[in-house]
Amino acid sequence: MTPPVLTDPEVRRAGLEALSERLGPAGMIRFLRMFDPGRGDYTEERHQWLDQLTLEDIRRSIEVRRTRETK
């Protein structure tokens, strides 16, 4: 038996009820305050800083990290 397909408002309501039951009202509020979906376009931002790196840059970075970890 497959679960019923819920609308977005139904999912939101069910989620808030589950949080409240499990964490209590104060815990639910604390959890919701911690949740941050972020902003911007991560994929685009990632391309902006990664597309500038060369394979040599990456190799050098790995070597520096390995050197630090062995000290």
PDB file of N, CA and C in Angstrom:
ATOM      1  N   MET A   1       0.843  -1.184   0.000  1.00  0.00           N
ATOM      2  CA  MET A   1       0.000   0.000   0.000  1.00  0.00           C
ATOM      3  C   MET A   1       0.890   1.250   0.000  1.00  0.00           C
ATOM      4  N   THR A   2       0.665   2.140  -0.925  1.00  0.00           N
ATOM      5  CA  THR A   2       1.470   3.358  -1.016  1.00  0.00           C
ATOM      6  C   THR A   2       0.837   4.453  -0.158  1.00  0.00           C
ATOM      7  N   PRO A   3       1.678   5.299   0.451  1.00  0.00           N
ATOM      8  CA  PRO A   3       1.137   6.391   1.262  1.00  0.00           C
ATOM      9  C   PRO A   3       0.424   7.403   0.373  1.00  0.00           C
ATOM     10  N   PRO A   4      -0.534   8.130   0.938  1.00  0.00           N
ATOM     11  CA  PRO A   4      -1.259   9.114   0.127  1.00  0.00           C
ATOM     12  C   PRO A   4      -0.336  10.247  -0.302  1.00  0.00           C
ATOM     13  N   VAL A   5      -0.622  10.824  -1.446  1.00  0.00           N
ATOM     14  CA  VAL A   5       0.132  11.973  -1.927  1.00  0.00           C
ATOM     15  C   VAL A   5      -0.430  13.208  -1.227  1.00  0.00           C
ATOM     16  N   LEU A   6       0.454  13.905  -0.524  1.00  0.00           N
ATOM     17  CA  LEU A   6       0.029  15.078   0.224  1.00  0.00           C
ATOM     18  C   LEU A   6       0.359  16.351  -0.538  1.00  0.00           C
ATOM     19  N   THR A   7      -0.460  17.356  -0.335  1.00  0.00           N
ATOM     20  CA  THR A   7      -0.170  18.663  -0.907  1.00  0.00           C
ATOM     21  C   THR A   7       0.941  19.310  -0.081  1.00  0.00           C
ATOM     22  N   ASP A   8       1.539  20.356  -0.588  1.00  0.00           N
ATOM     23  CA  ASP A   8       2.594  21.045   0.156  1.00  0.00           C
ATOM     24  C   ASP A   8       2.099  21.555   1.514  1.00  0.00           C
ATOM     25  N   PRO A   9       0.924  22.186   1.588  1.00  0.00           N
ATOM     26  CA  PRO A   9       0.442  22.619   2.908  1.00  0.00           C
ATOM     27  C   PRO A   9       0.220  21.440   3.868  1.00  0.00           C
ATOM     28  N   GLU A  10      -0.228  20.297   3.360  1.00  0.00           N
ATOM     29  CA  GLU A  10      -0.425  19.120   4.205  1.00  0.00           C
ATOM     30  C   GLU A  10       0.916  18.585   4.720  1.00  0.00           C
ATOM     31  N   VAL A  11       1.921  18.578   3.857  1.00  0.00           N
ATOM     32  CA  VAL A  11       3.245  18.127   4.271  1.00  0.00           C
ATOM     33  C   VAL A  11       3.795  19.061   5.343  1.00  0.00           C
ATOM     34  N   ARG A  12       3.630  20.357   5.140  1.00  0.00           N
ATOM     35  CA  ARG A  12       4.114  21.340   6.121  1.00  0.00           C
ATOM     36  C   ARG A  12       3.429  21.131   7.468  1.00  0.00           C
ATOM     37  N   ARG A  13       2.120  20.983   7.447  1.00  0.00           N
ATOM     38  CA  ARG A  13       1.361  20.798   8.685  1.00  0.00           C
ATOM     39  C   ARG A  13       1.784  19.505   9.392  1.00  0.00           C
ATOM     40  N   ALA A  14       1.909  18.418   8.627  1.00  0.00           N
ATOM     41  CA  ALA A  14       2.317  17.137   9.206  1.00  0.00           C
ATOM     42  C   ALA A  14       3.731  17.230   9.786  1.00  0.00           C
ATOM     43  N   GLY A  15       4.613  17.938   9.095  1.00  0.00           N
ATOM     44  CA  GLY A  15       5.978  18.103   9.582  1.00  0.00           C
ATOM     45  C   GLY A  15       6.023  18.886  10.883  1.00  0.00           C
ATOM     46  N   LEU A  16       5.254  19.962  10.951  1.00  0.00           N
ATOM     47  CA  LEU A  16       5.218  20.762  12.182  1.00  0.00           C
ATOM     48  C   LEU A  16       4.628  19.953  13.339  1.00  0.00           C
ATOM     49  N   GLU A  17       3.608  19.164  13.045  1.00  0.00           N
ATOM     50  CA  GLU A  17       3.017  18.311  14.083  1.00  0.00           C
ATOM     51  C   GLU A  17       4.040  17.289  14.585  1.00  0.00           C
ATOM     52  N   ALA A  18       4.786  16.677  13.669  1.00  0.00           N
ATOM     53  CA  ALA A  18       5.791  15.679  14.048  1.00  0.00           C
ATOM     54  C   ALA A  18       6.890  16.326  14.900  1.00  0.00           C
ATOM     55  N   LEU A  19       7.340  17.501  14.481  1.00  0.00           N
ATOM     56  CA  LEU A  19       8.354  18.203  15.269  1.00  0.00           C
ATOM     57  C   LEU A  19       7.840  18.544  16.658  1.00  0.00           C
ATOM     58  N   SER A  20       6.624  19.033  16.730  1.00  0.00           N
ATOM     59  CA  SER A  20       6.047  19.417  18.006  1.00  0.00           C
ATOM     60  C   SER A  20       5.880  18.209  18.918  1.00  0.00           C
ATOM     61  N   GLU A  21       5.413  17.093  18.363  1.00  0.00           N
ATOM     62  CA  GLU A  21       5.234  15.883  19.165  1.00  0.00           C
ATOM     63  C   GLU A  21       6.574  15.362  19.679  1.00  0.00           C
ATOM     64  N   ARG A  22       7.580  15.372  18.832  1.00  0.00           N
ATOM     65  CA  ARG A  22       8.884  14.802  19.195  1.00  0.00           C
ATOM     66  C   ARG A  22       9.709  15.734  20.084  1.00  0.00           C
ATOM     67  N   LEU A  23       9.687  17.031  19.775  1.00  0.00           N
ATOM     68  CA  LEU A  23      10.553  17.986  20.456  1.00  0.00           C
ATOM     69  C   LEU A  23       9.820  18.871  21.462  1.00  0.00           C
ATOM     70  N   GLY A  24       8.511  18.878  21.406  1.00  0.00           N
ATOM     71  CA  GLY A  24       7.734  19.820  22.210  1.00  0.00           C
ATOM     72  C   GLY A  24       7.718  21.168  21.508  1.00  0.00           C
ATOM     73  N   PRO A  25       6.804  22.051  21.920  1.00  0.00           N
ATOM     74  CA  PRO A  25       6.679  23.346  21.236  1.00  0.00           C
ATOM     75  C   PRO A  25       7.974  24.171  21.251  1.00  0.00           C
ATOM     76  N   ALA A  26       8.649  24.234  22.400  1.00  0.00           N
ATOM     77  CA  ALA A  26       9.873  25.035  22.483  1.00  0.00           C
ATOM     78  C   ALA A  26      10.977  24.435  21.612  1.00  0.00           C
ATOM     79  N   GLY A  27      11.105  23.111  21.626  1.00  0.00           N
ATOM     80  CA  GLY A  27      12.108  22.445  20.796  1.00  0.00           C
ATOM     81  C   GLY A  27      11.826  22.628  19.318  1.00  0.00           C
ATOM     82  N   MET A  28      10.542  22.583  18.965  1.00  0.00           N
ATOM     83  CA  MET A  28      10.165  22.789  17.566  1.00  0.00           C
ATOM     84  C   MET A  28      10.581  24.193  17.121  1.00  0.00           C
ATOM     85  N   ILE A  29      10.315  25.175  17.950  1.00  0.00           N
ATOM     86  CA  ILE A  29      10.676  26.559  17.607  1.00  0.00           C
ATOM     87  C   ILE A  29      12.189  26.705  17.488  1.00  0.00           C
ATOM     88  N   ARG A  30      12.937  26.097  18.413  1.00  0.00           N
ATOM     89  CA  ARG A  30      14.407  26.158  18.334  1.00  0.00           C
ATOM     90  C   ARG A  30      14.902  25.546  17.031  1.00  0.00           C
ATOM     91  N   PHE A  31      14.333  24.383  16.670  1.00  0.00           N
ATOM     92  CA  PHE A  31      14.734  23.724  15.429  1.00  0.00           C
ATOM     93  C   PHE A  31      14.430  24.614  14.228  1.00  0.00           C
ATOM     94  N   LEU A  32      13.261  25.173  14.166  1.00  0.00           N
ATOM     95  CA  LEU A  32      12.878  26.006  13.028  1.00  0.00           C
ATOM     96  C   LEU A  32      13.760  27.249  12.922  1.00  0.00           C
ATOM     97  N   ARG A  33      14.191  27.794  14.052  1.00  0.00           N
ATOM     98  CA  ARG A  33      15.088  28.958  14.008  1.00  0.00           C
ATOM     99  C   ARG A  33      16.451  28.582  13.466  1.00  0.00           C
ATOM    100  N   MET A  34      16.883  27.335  13.684  1.00  0.00           N
ATOM    101  CA  MET A  34      18.191  26.886  13.192  1.00  0.00           C
ATOM    102  C   MET A  34      18.178  26.587  11.707  1.00  0.00           C
ATOM    103  N   PHE A  35      17.012  26.254  11.180  1.00  0.00           N
ATOM    104  CA  PHE A  35      16.926  25.861   9.775  1.00  0.00           C
ATOM    105  C   PHE A  35      17.070  27.078   8.884  1.00  0.00           C
ATOM    106  N   ASP A  36      18.033  27.007   7.963  1.00  0.00           N
ATOM    107  CA  ASP A  36      18.254  28.090   7.010  1.00  0.00           C
ATOM    108  C   ASP A  36      18.502  27.468   5.646  1.00  0.00           C
ATOM    109  N   PRO A  37      17.571  27.642   4.721  1.00  0.00           N
ATOM    110  CA  PRO A  37      17.743  27.022   3.408  1.00  0.00           C
ATOM    111  C   PRO A  37      18.854  27.637   2.576  1.00  0.00           C
ATOM    112  N   GLY A  38      19.431  28.732   3.035  1.00  0.00           N
ATOM    113  CA  GLY A  38      20.497  29.374   2.278  1.00  0.00           C
ATOM    114  C   GLY A  38      19.951  30.315   1.221  1.00  0.00           C
ATOM    115  N   ARG A  39      20.863  30.977   0.584  1.00  0.00           N
ATOM    116  CA  ARG A  39      20.459  31.946  -0.439  1.00  0.00           C
ATOM    117  C   ARG A  39      21.410  31.841  -1.623  1.00  0.00           C
ATOM    118  N   GLY A  40      20.964  32.344  -2.730  1.00  0.00           N
ATOM    119  CA  GLY A  40      21.813  32.374  -3.907  1.00  0.00           C
ATOM    120  C   GLY A  40      21.752  31.081  -4.703  1.00  0.00           C
ATOM    121  N   ASP A  41      22.639  30.999  -5.674  1.00  0.00           N
ATOM    122  CA  ASP A  41      22.717  29.846  -6.564  1.00  0.00           C
ATOM    123  C   ASP A  41      24.056  29.167  -6.338  1.00  0.00           C
ATOM    124  N   TYR A  42      24.061  28.116  -5.505  1.00  0.00           N
ATOM    125  CA  TYR A  42      25.302  27.448  -5.140  1.00  0.00           C
ATOM    126  C   TYR A  42      26.049  26.950  -6.364  1.00  0.00           C
ATOM    127  N   THR A  43      25.329  26.397  -7.326  1.00  0.00           N
ATOM    128  CA  THR A  43      25.986  25.841  -8.514  1.00  0.00           C
ATOM    129  C   THR A  43      26.734  26.928  -9.269  1.00  0.00           C
ATOM    130  N   GLU A  44      26.110  28.064  -9.448  1.00  0.00           N
ATOM    131  CA  GLU A  44      26.760  29.169 -10.150  1.00  0.00           C
ATOM    132  C   GLU A  44      27.958  29.688  -9.360  1.00  0.00           C
ATOM    133  N   GLU A  45      27.783  29.854  -8.054  1.00  0.00           N
ATOM    134  CA  GLU A  45      28.881  30.346  -7.226  1.00  0.00           C
ATOM    135  C   GLU A  45      30.043  29.360  -7.225  1.00  0.00           C
ATOM    136  N   ARG A  46      29.741  28.073  -7.189  1.00  0.00           N
ATOM    137  CA  ARG A  46      30.786  27.040  -7.202  1.00  0.00           C
ATOM    138  C   ARG A  46      31.605  27.131  -8.492  1.00  0.00           C
ATOM    139  N   HIS A  47      30.918  27.330  -9.609  1.00  0.00           N
ATOM    140  CA  HIS A  47      31.625  27.473 -10.886  1.00  0.00           C
ATOM    141  C   HIS A  47      32.529  28.705 -10.878  1.00  0.00           C
ATOM    142  N   GLN A  48      32.073  29.776 -10.235  1.00  0.00           N
ATOM    143  CA  GLN A  48      32.871  31.002 -10.209  1.00  0.00           C
ATOM    144  C   GLN A  48      34.218  30.784  -9.542  1.00  0.00           C
ATOM    145  N   TRP A  49      34.270  30.004  -8.461  1.00  0.00           N
ATOM    146  CA  TRP A  49      35.561  29.829  -7.801  1.00  0.00           C
ATOM    147  C   TRP A  49      36.292  28.577  -8.222  1.00  0.00           C
ATOM    148  N   LEU A  50      35.601  27.556  -8.684  1.00  0.00           N
ATOM    149  CA  LEU A  50      36.299  26.339  -9.092  1.00  0.00           C
ATOM    150  C   LEU A  50      36.822  26.392 -10.523  1.00  0.00           C
ATOM    151  N   ASP A  51      36.112  27.084 -11.400  1.00  0.00           N
ATOM    152  CA  ASP A  51      36.539  27.133 -12.802  1.00  0.00           C
ATOM    153  C   ASP A  51      37.875  27.854 -12.982  1.00  0.00           C
ATOM    154  N   GLN A  52      38.274  28.631 -11.977  1.00  0.00           N
ATOM    155  CA  GLN A  52      39.531  29.359 -12.069  1.00  0.00           C
ATOM    156  C   GLN A  52      40.728  28.503 -11.665  1.00  0.00           C
ATOM    157  N   LEU A  53      40.475  27.369 -11.015  1.00  0.00           N
ATOM    158  CA  LEU A  53      41.572  26.520 -10.551  1.00  0.00           C
ATOM    159  C   LEU A  53      42.123  25.655 -11.677  1.00  0.00           C
ATOM    160  N   THR A  54      43.433  25.517 -11.679  1.00  0.00           N
ATOM    161  CA  THR A  54      44.067  24.597 -12.621  1.00  0.00           C
ATOM    162  C   THR A  54      44.357  23.290 -11.882  1.00  0.00           C
ATOM    163  N   LEU A  55      44.691  22.267 -12.621  1.00  0.00           N
ATOM    164  CA  LEU A  55      45.075  21.008 -11.991  1.00  0.00           C
ATOM    165  C   LEU A  55      46.305  21.204 -11.109  1.00  0.00           C
ATOM    166  N   GLU A  56      47.208  22.068 -11.526  1.00  0.00           N
ATOM    167  CA  GLU A  56      48.400  22.356 -10.723  1.00  0.00           C
ATOM    168  C   GLU A  56      48.021  23.026  -9.403  1.00  0.00           C
ATOM    169  N   ASP A  57      47.049  23.936  -9.425  1.00  0.00           N
ATOM    170  CA  ASP A  57      46.569  24.563  -8.187  1.00  0.00           C
ATOM    171  C   ASP A  57      46.027  23.509  -7.224  1.00  0.00           C
ATOM    172  N   ILE A  58      45.243  22.597  -7.749  1.00  0.00           N
ATOM    173  CA  ILE A  58      44.648  21.538  -6.926  1.00  0.00           C
ATOM    174  C   ILE A  58      45.736  20.631  -6.355  1.00  0.00           C
ATOM    175  N   ARG A  59      46.710  20.247  -7.188  1.00  0.00           N
ATOM    176  CA  ARG A  59      47.808  19.396  -6.743  1.00  0.00           C
ATOM    177  C   ARG A  59      48.583  20.074  -5.620  1.00  0.00           C
ATOM    178  N   ARG A  60      48.885  21.352  -5.806  1.00  0.00           N
ATOM    179  CA  ARG A  60      49.627  22.105  -4.794  1.00  0.00           C
ATOM    180  C   ARG A  60      48.846  22.172  -3.480  1.00  0.00           C
ATOM    181  N   SER A  61      47.561  22.389  -3.572  1.00  0.00           N
ATOM    182  CA  SER A  61      46.711  22.454  -2.384  1.00  0.00           C
ATOM    183  C   SER A  61      46.714  21.130  -1.626  1.00  0.00           C
ATOM    184  N   ILE A  62      46.669  20.035  -2.354  1.00  0.00           N
ATOM    185  CA  ILE A  62      46.721  18.703  -1.730  1.00  0.00           C
ATOM    186  C   ILE A  62      48.056  18.502  -1.024  1.00  0.00           C
ATOM    187  N   GLU A  63      49.132  18.891  -1.673  1.00  0.00           N
ATOM    188  CA  GLU A  63      50.460  18.739  -1.081  1.00  0.00           C
ATOM    189  C   GLU A  63      50.589  19.564   0.198  1.00  0.00           C
ATOM    190  N   VAL A  64      50.080  20.799   0.189  1.00  0.00           N
ATOM    191  CA  VAL A  64      50.140  21.650   1.382  1.00  0.00           C
ATOM    192  C   VAL A  64      49.357  21.007   2.507  1.00  0.00           C
ATOM    193  N   ARG A  65      48.186  20.497   2.215  1.00  0.00           N
ATOM    194  CA  ARG A  65      47.367  19.855   3.240  1.00  0.00           C
ATOM    195  C   ARG A  65      48.053  18.614   3.807  1.00  0.00           C
ATOM    196  N   ARG A  66      48.629  17.813   2.951  1.00  0.00           N
ATOM    197  CA  ARG A  66      49.328  16.615   3.422  1.00  0.00           C
ATOM    198  C   ARG A  66      50.502  16.974   4.316  1.00  0.00           C
ATOM    199  N   THR A  67      51.212  18.021   3.948  1.00  0.00           N
ATOM    200  CA  THR A  67      52.353  18.472   4.742  1.00  0.00           C
ATOM    201  C   THR A  67      51.884  18.920   6.122  1.00  0.00           C
ATOM    202  N   ARG A  68      50.802  19.671   6.198  1.00  0.00           N
ATOM    203  CA  ARG A  68      50.260  20.134   7.478  1.00  0.00           C
ATOM    204  C   ARG A  68      49.809  18.966   8.353  1.00  0.00           C
ATOM    205  N   GLU A  69      49.204  17.967   7.734  1.00  0.00           N
ATOM    206  CA  GLU A  69      48.662  16.836   8.493  1.00  0.00           C
ATOM    207  C   GLU A  69      49.758  15.927   9.054  1.00  0.00           C
ATOM    208  N   THR A  70      50.917  15.927   8.434  1.00  0.00           N
ATOM    209  CA  THR A  70      51.996  15.069   8.917  1.00  0.00           C
ATOM    210  C   THR A  70      52.832  15.718  10.014  1.00  0.00           C
ATOM    211  N   LYS A  71      52.591  16.986  10.279  1.00  0.00           N
ATOM    212  CA  LYS A  71      53.359  17.699  11.315  1.00  0.00           C
ATOM    213  C   LYS A  71      52.763  17.458  12.686  1.00  0.00           C
TER     214      LYS A  71
END
